[in-house]
Amino acid sequence: MKVLGIDIGGSALKGAPVDCRTGRLLAPRFRVETSPAATPAATAKVVAEIARHFKWRGPIGIGFPGVIQGARIRTSANLHPRFIGCDGGKLFTRATGCRVTLTNDAAAAAQAEMQFGAGRGFQGKTLLLTLGTGVGSALCYRGLVVPAELGHLPRRGKSAERFVSSAARKRRGLSWAEWGGELGDYVRSLEQLLWPELIIVGGGVSAKSRKFFRYVQPRARMVPAKLRNEAGIVGAALSFGRHGTRVRPGRGRA
């Protein structure tokens, strides 16, 4: 199956058609920069722009950075608050005129990494963390991917992602050693609770893993995401018919 995968992030939307049998992008990804203040309507227009760029009329899988229940968005920590309670499936189906599946972005990335990337063939317990505007997370075990919201665990009275996301490193002006050490404290606290055997780190910063991995020092084996920034796109495409709620044009639920 060929599916258009779209990864919604805090600073940009990225998309490309994906061959779901191989995980290969069928065209160069198309990226559109956006603002965290973009409303649901404005974001839907960008999703439609990506579909038009590829002249796409087939199925679309979308990864969103928040809790997804059915087709409805329940949290929106790093995007516009109007997304909370929004029927995302209906929103994006109307904007594109295509069949749409909506899923959590970190769970999408985890699915891609476990099927085609750094976790391929591994059946033990895996923790995937995506470090970007926020911190996305998912747990994987014997082929099952479970979305999580571990970036919002309390840390100094705030969500942990306020201190350990890639955006937090830049905002706080931390060196790689300083940020890696703080990220290590966070990762080890997750290890005490979850005992993963493998940790996969994704997001754009994973391309610079040599600069900070040595400061994290987890108990489990830690590796960068093999698919890098393409993982969210590939996983969003894989989610069509596998996870999330599929919505057909004209049949979205209010």
C-alpha atoms as a PDB file:
ATOM      1  CA  MET A   1       0.000   0.000   0.000  1.00  0.00           C
ATOM      2  CA  LYS A   2       1.135   3.538  -0.779  1.00  0.00           C
ATOM      3  CA  VAL A   3       0.127   6.096   1.865  1.00  0.00           C
ATOM      4  CA  LEU A   4       0.944   9.772   2.300  1.00  0.00           C
ATOM      5  CA  GLY A   5       2.566  10.139   5.720  1.00  0.00           C
ATOM      6  CA  ILE A   6       2.432  13.519   7.451  1.00  0.00           C
ATOM      7  CA  ASP A   7       4.274  14.329  10.678  1.00  0.00           C
ATOM      8  CA  ILE A   8       2.907  17.350  12.573  1.00  0.00           C
ATOM      9  CA  GLY A   9       5.506  19.031  14.784  1.00  0.00           C
ATOM     10  CA  GLY A  10       5.798  22.132  16.879  1.00  0.00           C
ATOM     11  CA  SER A  11       7.801  24.048  14.274  1.00  0.00           C
ATOM     12  CA  ALA A  12       6.992  22.333  10.978  1.00  0.00           C
ATOM     13  CA  LEU A  13       4.849  19.804   9.150  1.00  0.00           C
ATOM     14  CA  LYS A  14       6.646  17.220   7.016  1.00  0.00           C
ATOM     15  CA  GLY A  15       5.219  14.723   4.572  1.00  0.00           C
ATOM     16  CA  ALA A  16       5.975  12.259   1.791  1.00  0.00           C
ATOM     17  CA  PRO A  17       4.350   9.283   0.071  1.00  0.00           C
ATOM     18  CA  VAL A  18       5.508   6.001   1.629  1.00  0.00           C
ATOM     19  CA  ASP A  19       5.681   2.429   0.367  1.00  0.00           C
ATOM     20  CA  CYS A  20       4.334   0.661   3.455  1.00  0.00           C
ATOM     21  CA  ARG A  21       5.860  -2.683   2.398  1.00  0.00           C
ATOM     22  CA  THR A  22       9.403  -1.343   2.539  1.00  0.00           C
ATOM     23  CA  GLY A  23       9.192   1.885   4.578  1.00  0.00           C
ATOM     24  CA  ARG A  24      10.792   3.764   1.690  1.00  0.00           C
ATOM     25  CA  LEU A  25       9.827   7.334   0.826  1.00  0.00           C
ATOM     26  CA  LEU A  26       8.571   7.498  -2.752  1.00  0.00           C
ATOM     27  CA  ALA A  27       9.485  11.177  -3.168  1.00  0.00           C
ATOM     28  CA  PRO A  28      11.615  13.732  -1.316  1.00  0.00           C
ATOM     29  CA  ARG A  29       9.857  14.883   1.828  1.00  0.00           C
ATOM     30  CA  PHE A  30       8.061  18.218   1.690  1.00  0.00           C
ATOM     31  CA  ARG A  31       8.475  20.460   4.730  1.00  0.00           C
ATOM     32  CA  VAL A  32       6.397  23.502   5.654  1.00  0.00           C
ATOM     33  CA  GLU A  33       7.428  25.648   8.614  1.00  0.00           C
ATOM     34  CA  THR A  34       4.624  26.655  10.970  1.00  0.00           C
ATOM     35  CA  SER A  35       4.165  28.351  14.329  1.00  0.00           C
ATOM     36  CA  PRO A  36       3.073  26.661  17.574  1.00  0.00           C
ATOM     37  CA  ALA A  37       0.371  29.344  17.604  1.00  0.00           C
ATOM     38  CA  ALA A  38      -1.170  27.995  14.376  1.00  0.00           C
ATOM     39  CA  THR A  39      -4.859  27.182  14.903  1.00  0.00           C
ATOM     40  CA  PRO A  40      -6.401  23.830  13.924  1.00  0.00           C
ATOM     41  CA  ALA A  41      -7.868  25.479  10.810  1.00  0.00           C
ATOM     42  CA  ALA A  42      -4.476  26.908   9.805  1.00  0.00           C
ATOM     43  CA  THR A  43      -2.764  23.561  10.407  1.00  0.00           C
ATOM     44  CA  ALA A  44      -5.404  21.776   8.322  1.00  0.00           C
ATOM     45  CA  LYS A  45      -4.620  24.153   5.449  1.00  0.00           C
ATOM     46  CA  VAL A  46      -0.949  23.143   5.635  1.00  0.00           C
ATOM     47  CA  VAL A  47      -1.905  19.451   5.639  1.00  0.00           C
ATOM     48  CA  ALA A  48      -3.972  20.133   2.505  1.00  0.00           C
ATOM     49  CA  GLU A  49      -1.000  22.007   0.996  1.00  0.00           C
ATOM     50  CA  ILE A  50       1.216  18.946   1.491  1.00  0.00           C
ATOM     51  CA  ALA A  51      -1.405  16.719  -0.162  1.00  0.00           C
ATOM     52  CA  ARG A  52      -1.637  19.116  -3.119  1.00  0.00           C
ATOM     53  CA  HIS A  53       2.162  19.241  -3.427  1.00  0.00           C
ATOM     54  CA  PHE A  54       2.154  15.511  -4.149  1.00  0.00           C
ATOM     55  CA  LYS A  55      -1.139  15.666  -6.107  1.00  0.00           C
ATOM     56  CA  TRP A  56      -2.360  13.118  -3.592  1.00  0.00           C
ATOM     57  CA  ARG A  57      -5.865  11.628  -3.611  1.00  0.00           C
ATOM     58  CA  GLY A  58      -5.226   8.402  -1.739  1.00  0.00           C
ATOM     59  CA  PRO A  59      -5.032   7.468   1.966  1.00  0.00           C
ATOM     60  CA  ILE A  60      -3.239   9.745   4.440  1.00  0.00           C
ATOM     61  CA  GLY A  61      -1.725   8.855   7.816  1.00  0.00           C
ATOM     62  CA  ILE A  62      -1.077  11.752  10.207  1.00  0.00           C
ATOM     63  CA  GLY A  63       1.048  11.783  13.349  1.00  0.00           C
ATOM     64  CA  PHE A  64       0.076  14.389  15.957  1.00  0.00           C
ATOM     65  CA  PRO A  65       2.067  15.396  19.085  1.00  0.00           C
ATOM     66  CA  GLY A  66      -0.570  14.668  21.710  1.00  0.00           C
ATOM     67  CA  VAL A  67      -2.914  12.071  23.152  1.00  0.00           C
ATOM     68  CA  ILE A  68      -5.217  10.631  20.485  1.00  0.00           C
ATOM     69  CA  GLN A  69      -8.362   8.744  21.460  1.00  0.00           C
ATOM     70  CA  GLY A  70     -10.264   7.505  18.452  1.00  0.00           C
ATOM     71  CA  ALA A  71     -10.103  10.431  16.043  1.00  0.00           C
ATOM     72  CA  ARG A  72     -10.199  13.027  18.809  1.00  0.00           C
ATOM     73  CA  ILE A  73      -7.222  15.012  20.106  1.00  0.00           C
ATOM     74  CA  ARG A  74      -7.086  15.162  23.915  1.00  0.00           C
ATOM     75  CA  THR A  75      -3.874  17.113  24.603  1.00  0.00           C
ATOM     76  CA  SER A  76      -1.854  19.764  22.783  1.00  0.00           C
ATOM     77  CA  ALA A  77       1.090  20.788  24.953  1.00  0.00           C
ATOM     78  CA  ASN A  78       3.179  22.384  22.188  1.00  0.00           C
ATOM     79  CA  LEU A  79       0.506  23.442  19.702  1.00  0.00           C
ATOM     80  CA  HIS A  80      -2.582  25.657  19.806  1.00  0.00           C
ATOM     81  CA  PRO A  81      -4.911  24.900  22.772  1.00  0.00           C
ATOM     82  CA  ARG A  82      -7.903  24.773  20.406  1.00  0.00           C
ATOM     83  CA  PHE A  83      -6.702  21.350  19.329  1.00  0.00           C
ATOM     84  CA  ILE A  84      -7.799  19.983  22.713  1.00  0.00           C
ATOM     85  CA  GLY A  85     -11.091  18.172  22.200  1.00  0.00           C
ATOM     86  CA  CYS A  86     -10.918  18.660  18.422  1.00  0.00           C
ATOM     87  CA  ASP A  87     -12.018  15.835  16.118  1.00  0.00           C
ATOM     88  CA  GLY A  88      -8.749  15.705  14.234  1.00  0.00           C
ATOM     89  CA  GLY A  89      -9.862  12.986  11.887  1.00  0.00           C
ATOM     90  CA  LYS A  90     -12.815  15.048  10.738  1.00  0.00           C
ATOM     91  CA  LEU A  91     -10.709  18.239  10.542  1.00  0.00           C
ATOM     92  CA  PHE A  92      -8.044  16.777   8.259  1.00  0.00           C
ATOM     93  CA  THR A  93     -10.443  14.674   6.210  1.00  0.00           C
ATOM     94  CA  ARG A  94     -12.460  17.780   5.323  1.00  0.00           C
ATOM     95  CA  ALA A  95      -9.299  19.725   4.471  1.00  0.00           C
ATOM     96  CA  THR A  96      -7.867  17.073   2.122  1.00  0.00           C
ATOM     97  CA  GLY A  97     -10.922  15.211   0.844  1.00  0.00           C
ATOM     98  CA  CYS A  98      -9.000  11.988   1.509  1.00  0.00           C
ATOM     99  CA  ARG A  99      -9.304   9.057   3.879  1.00  0.00           C
ATOM    100  CA  VAL A 100      -7.302   9.884   7.000  1.00  0.00           C
ATOM    101  CA  THR A 101      -5.874   8.031   9.994  1.00  0.00           C
ATOM    102  CA  LEU A 102      -4.718   9.999  13.049  1.00  0.00           C
ATOM    103  CA  THR A 103      -2.223   8.637  15.576  1.00  0.00           C
ATOM    104  CA  ASN A 104       0.252   9.833  18.204  1.00  0.00           C
ATOM    105  CA  ASP A 105       3.473  11.014  16.560  1.00  0.00           C
ATOM    106  CA  ALA A 106       5.900   9.203  18.881  1.00  0.00           C
ATOM    107  CA  ALA A 107       3.948   5.951  18.531  1.00  0.00           C
ATOM    108  CA  ALA A 108       4.158   6.402  14.771  1.00  0.00           C
ATOM    109  CA  ALA A 109       7.932   6.882  14.939  1.00  0.00           C
ATOM    110  CA  ALA A 110       8.227   3.823  17.190  1.00  0.00           C
ATOM    111  CA  GLN A 111       6.258   1.689  14.739  1.00  0.00           C
ATOM    112  CA  ALA A 112       8.574   2.728  11.919  1.00  0.00           C
ATOM    113  CA  GLU A 113      11.744   2.115  13.928  1.00  0.00           C
ATOM    114  CA  MET A 114      10.584  -1.300  15.131  1.00  0.00           C
ATOM    115  CA  GLN A 115       9.531  -2.390  11.654  1.00  0.00           C
ATOM    116  CA  PHE A 116      12.256  -0.875   9.484  1.00  0.00           C
ATOM    117  CA  GLY A 117      14.768   0.886  11.713  1.00  0.00           C
ATOM    118  CA  ALA A 118      16.939   0.541  14.817  1.00  0.00           C
ATOM    119  CA  GLY A 119      14.545  -1.853  16.575  1.00  0.00           C
ATOM    120  CA  ARG A 120      13.918  -4.184  13.663  1.00  0.00           C
ATOM    121  CA  GLY A 121      13.776  -7.792  14.840  1.00  0.00           C
ATOM    122  CA  PHE A 122      14.099  -6.882  18.538  1.00  0.00           C
ATOM    123  CA  GLN A 123      11.393  -8.480  20.676  1.00  0.00           C
ATOM    124  CA  GLY A 124      12.410  -7.169  24.103  1.00  0.00           C
ATOM    125  CA  LYS A 125      11.157  -4.037  25.841  1.00  0.00           C
ATOM    126  CA  THR A 126      12.035  -0.863  23.939  1.00  0.00           C
ATOM    127  CA  LEU A 127      11.633   2.754  24.988  1.00  0.00           C
ATOM    128  CA  LEU A 128      11.534   5.296  22.165  1.00  0.00           C
ATOM    129  CA  LEU A 129      12.066   8.982  22.908  1.00  0.00           C
ATOM    130  CA  THR A 130      11.717  11.739  20.312  1.00  0.00           C
ATOM    131  CA  LEU A 131      13.538  14.912  21.309  1.00  0.00           C
ATOM    132  CA  GLY A 132      12.330  18.031  19.528  1.00  0.00           C
ATOM    133  CA  THR A 133      10.048  20.887  20.537  1.00  0.00           C
ATOM    134  CA  GLY A 134       8.852  18.536  23.278  1.00  0.00           C
ATOM    135  CA  VAL A 135       9.567  14.941  24.295  1.00  0.00           C
ATOM    136  CA  GLY A 136       7.516  12.208  22.666  1.00  0.00           C
ATOM    137  CA  SER A 137       7.592   8.655  23.975  1.00  0.00           C
ATOM    138  CA  ALA A 138       6.346   5.166  23.273  1.00  0.00           C
ATOM    139  CA  LEU A 139       6.912   1.676  24.668  1.00  0.00           C
ATOM    140  CA  CYS A 140       7.340  -1.357  22.425  1.00  0.00           C
ATOM    141  CA  TYR A 141       7.253  -5.034  23.365  1.00  0.00           C
ATOM    142  CA  ARG A 142       7.074  -8.023  21.015  1.00  0.00           C
ATOM    143  CA  GLY A 143       5.646  -6.000  18.178  1.00  0.00           C
ATOM    144  CA  LEU A 144       3.153  -4.038  20.270  1.00  0.00           C
ATOM    145  CA  VAL A 145       3.558  -0.237  20.365  1.00  0.00           C
ATOM    146  CA  VAL A 146       1.931   1.719  23.191  1.00  0.00           C
ATOM    147  CA  PRO A 147       1.825   5.551  23.134  1.00  0.00           C
ATOM    148  CA  ALA A 148       3.017   7.232  26.334  1.00  0.00           C
ATOM    149  CA  GLU A 149       3.319  10.784  27.660  1.00  0.00           C
ATOM    150  CA  LEU A 150       6.552  10.426  29.616  1.00  0.00           C
ATOM    151  CA  GLY A 151       7.729  13.870  28.566  1.00  0.00           C
ATOM    152  CA  HIS A 152       5.149  15.300  30.954  1.00  0.00           C
ATOM    153  CA  LEU A 153       6.367  13.552  34.088  1.00  0.00           C
ATOM    154  CA  PRO A 154       6.902  16.186  36.810  1.00  0.00           C
ATOM    155  CA  ARG A 155      10.393  17.645  37.106  1.00  0.00           C
ATOM    156  CA  ARG A 156      11.044  20.696  39.292  1.00  0.00           C
ATOM    157  CA  GLY A 157       7.342  21.413  39.289  1.00  0.00           C
ATOM    158  CA  LYS A 158       7.018  21.414  35.491  1.00  0.00           C
ATOM    159  CA  SER A 159       6.858  18.883  32.669  1.00  0.00           C
ATOM    160  CA  ALA A 160      10.203  17.165  32.139  1.00  0.00           C
ATOM    161  CA  GLU A 161      10.267  18.223  28.490  1.00  0.00           C
ATOM    162  CA  ARG A 162      10.727  21.824  29.644  1.00  0.00           C
ATOM    163  CA  PHE A 163      14.247  20.773  30.673  1.00  0.00           C
ATOM    164  CA  VAL A 164      15.305  17.861  28.449  1.00  0.00           C
ATOM    165  CA  SER A 165      13.794  18.479  24.999  1.00  0.00           C
ATOM    166  CA  SER A 166      16.055  19.567  22.156  1.00  0.00           C
ATOM    167  CA  ALA A 167      14.304  22.944  22.142  1.00  0.00           C
ATOM    168  CA  ALA A 168      15.003  23.291  25.880  1.00  0.00           C
ATOM    169  CA  ARG A 169      18.742  22.826  25.293  1.00  0.00           C
ATOM    170  CA  LYS A 170      18.775  25.712  22.829  1.00  0.00           C
ATOM    171  CA  ARG A 171      16.472  27.903  24.909  1.00  0.00           C
ATOM    172  CA  ARG A 172      18.554  27.416  28.041  1.00  0.00           C
ATOM    173  CA  GLY A 173      21.885  27.813  26.237  1.00  0.00           C
ATOM    174  CA  LEU A 174      23.237  24.481  27.519  1.00  0.00           C
ATOM    175  CA  SER A 175      26.363  22.801  26.229  1.00  0.00           C
ATOM    176  CA  TRP A 176      26.055  19.246  24.915  1.00  0.00           C
ATOM    177  CA  ALA A 177      27.694  17.975  28.112  1.00  0.00           C
ATOM    178  CA  GLU A 178      25.323  19.912  30.366  1.00  0.00           C
ATOM    179  CA  TRP A 179      22.250  18.885  28.429  1.00  0.00           C
ATOM    180  CA  GLY A 180      23.433  15.279  28.089  1.00  0.00           C
ATOM    181  CA  GLY A 181      23.920  15.047  31.839  1.00  0.00           C
ATOM    182  CA  GLU A 182      20.443  16.382  32.550  1.00  0.00           C
ATOM    183  CA  LEU A 183      18.944  14.123  29.902  1.00  0.00           C
ATOM    184  CA  GLY A 184      20.773  11.234  31.555  1.00  0.00           C
ATOM    185  CA  ASP A 185      19.122  11.945  34.910  1.00  0.00           C
ATOM    186  CA  TYR A 186      15.727  11.911  33.206  1.00  0.00           C
ATOM    187  CA  VAL A 187      16.442   8.702  31.262  1.00  0.00           C
ATOM    188  CA  ARG A 188      17.653   6.893  34.374  1.00  0.00           C
ATOM    189  CA  SER A 189      14.460   7.850  36.220  1.00  0.00           C
ATOM    190  CA  LEU A 190      12.489   6.255  33.373  1.00  0.00           C
ATOM    191  CA  GLU A 191      14.693   3.174  33.571  1.00  0.00           C
ATOM    192  CA  GLN A 192      13.879   2.748  37.257  1.00  0.00           C
ATOM    193  CA  LEU A 193      10.172   2.600  36.375  1.00  0.00           C
ATOM    194  CA  LEU A 194      10.150   0.785  33.039  1.00  0.00           C
ATOM    195  CA  TRP A 195      13.352  -1.283  32.759  1.00  0.00           C
ATOM    196  CA  PRO A 196      13.749  -1.074  28.981  1.00  0.00           C
ATOM    197  CA  GLU A 197      16.367  -3.255  27.309  1.00  0.00           C
ATOM    198  CA  LEU A 198      16.777  -0.904  24.356  1.00  0.00           C
ATOM    199  CA  ILE A 199      16.371   2.882  24.118  1.00  0.00           C
ATOM    200  CA  ILE A 200      15.938   4.512  20.705  1.00  0.00           C
ATOM    201  CA  VAL A 201      16.409   8.274  20.512  1.00  0.00           C
ATOM    202  CA  GLY A 202      14.715  10.049  17.607  1.00  0.00           C
ATOM    203  CA  GLY A 203      14.050  13.581  16.467  1.00  0.00           C
ATOM    204  CA  GLY A 204      16.371  15.817  14.475  1.00  0.00           C
ATOM    205  CA  VAL A 205      18.912  15.880  17.299  1.00  0.00           C
ATOM    206  CA  SER A 206      19.486  12.122  16.890  1.00  0.00           C
ATOM    207  CA  ALA A 207      21.742  12.983  13.927  1.00  0.00           C
ATOM    208  CA  LYS A 208      24.109  14.571  16.500  1.00  0.00           C
ATOM    209  CA  SER A 209      24.061  11.621  18.914  1.00  0.00           C
ATOM    210  CA  ARG A 210      27.868  11.527  19.126  1.00  0.00           C
ATOM    211  CA  LYS A 211      27.802  14.937  20.789  1.00  0.00           C
ATOM    212  CA  PHE A 212      25.682  13.914  23.783  1.00  0.00           C
ATOM    213  CA  PHE A 213      25.192  10.148  24.064  1.00  0.00           C
ATOM    214  CA  ARG A 214      28.365   9.702  26.091  1.00  0.00           C
ATOM    215  CA  TYR A 215      26.984  11.999  28.793  1.00  0.00           C
ATOM    216  CA  VAL A 216      23.663  10.180  29.190  1.00  0.00           C
ATOM    217  CA  GLN A 217      25.059   6.841  30.444  1.00  0.00           C
ATOM    218  CA  PRO A 218      21.872   4.743  30.673  1.00  0.00           C
ATOM    219  CA  ARG A 219      21.751   1.157  31.899  1.00  0.00           C
ATOM    220  CA  ALA A 220      20.090  -0.078  28.695  1.00  0.00           C
ATOM    221  CA  ARG A 221      21.663  -0.053  25.257  1.00  0.00           C
ATOM    222  CA  MET A 222      20.884   3.315  23.624  1.00  0.00           C
ATOM    223  CA  VAL A 223      20.975   3.951  19.880  1.00  0.00           C
ATOM    224  CA  PRO A 224      19.930   6.792  17.555  1.00  0.00           C
ATOM    225  CA  ALA A 225      16.860   6.282  15.400  1.00  0.00           C
ATOM    226  CA  LYS A 226      17.901   4.760  12.091  1.00  0.00           C
ATOM    227  CA  LEU A 227      15.186   6.547  10.111  1.00  0.00           C
ATOM    228  CA  ARG A 228      16.001   9.887  11.766  1.00  0.00           C
ATOM    229  CA  ASN A 229      13.487  12.574  10.784  1.00  0.00           C
ATOM    230  CA  GLU A 230      11.728  10.233   8.372  1.00  0.00           C
ATOM    231  CA  ALA A 231      10.509   7.931  11.163  1.00  0.00           C
ATOM    232  CA  GLY A 232       7.438  10.042  11.953  1.00  0.00           C
ATOM    233  CA  ILE A 233       6.448  10.205   8.290  1.00  0.00           C
ATOM    234  CA  VAL A 234       6.908   6.473   7.724  1.00  0.00           C
ATOM    235  CA  GLY A 235       5.117   5.547  10.940  1.00  0.00           C
ATOM    236  CA  ALA A 236       2.208   7.872  10.202  1.00  0.00           C
ATOM    237  CA  ALA A 237       1.767   6.111   6.874  1.00  0.00           C
ATOM    238  CA  LEU A 238       1.981   2.701   8.538  1.00  0.00           C
ATOM    239  CA  SER A 239      -0.751   3.762  10.970  1.00  0.00           C
ATOM    240  CA  PHE A 240      -3.306   3.761   8.164  1.00  0.00           C
ATOM    241  CA  GLY A 241      -5.281   0.588   8.756  1.00  0.00           C
ATOM    242  CA  ARG A 242      -3.072  -0.451  11.696  1.00  0.00           C
ATOM    243  CA  HIS A 243      -3.538   2.064  14.526  1.00  0.00           C
ATOM    244  CA  GLY A 244      -5.671   5.137  15.124  1.00  0.00           C
ATOM    245  CA  THR A 245      -9.103   5.800  13.687  1.00  0.00           C
ATOM    246  CA  ARG A 246      -9.672   5.878   9.958  1.00  0.00           C
ATOM    247  CA  VAL A 247     -12.100   8.521   8.762  1.00  0.00           C
ATOM    248  CA  ARG A 248     -13.594   8.584   5.278  1.00  0.00           C
ATOM    249  CA  PRO A 249     -14.575  11.813   3.500  1.00  0.00           C
ATOM    250  CA  GLY A 250     -18.081  12.829   4.475  1.00  0.00           C
ATOM    251  CA  ARG A 251     -18.219  10.362   7.348  1.00  0.00           C
ATOM    252  CA  GLY A 252     -16.206  12.082  10.094  1.00  0.00           C
ATOM    253  CA  ARG A 253     -17.768  11.991  13.541  1.00  0.00           C
ATOM    254  CA  ALA A 254     -18.605  15.236  15.299  1.00  0.00           C
END
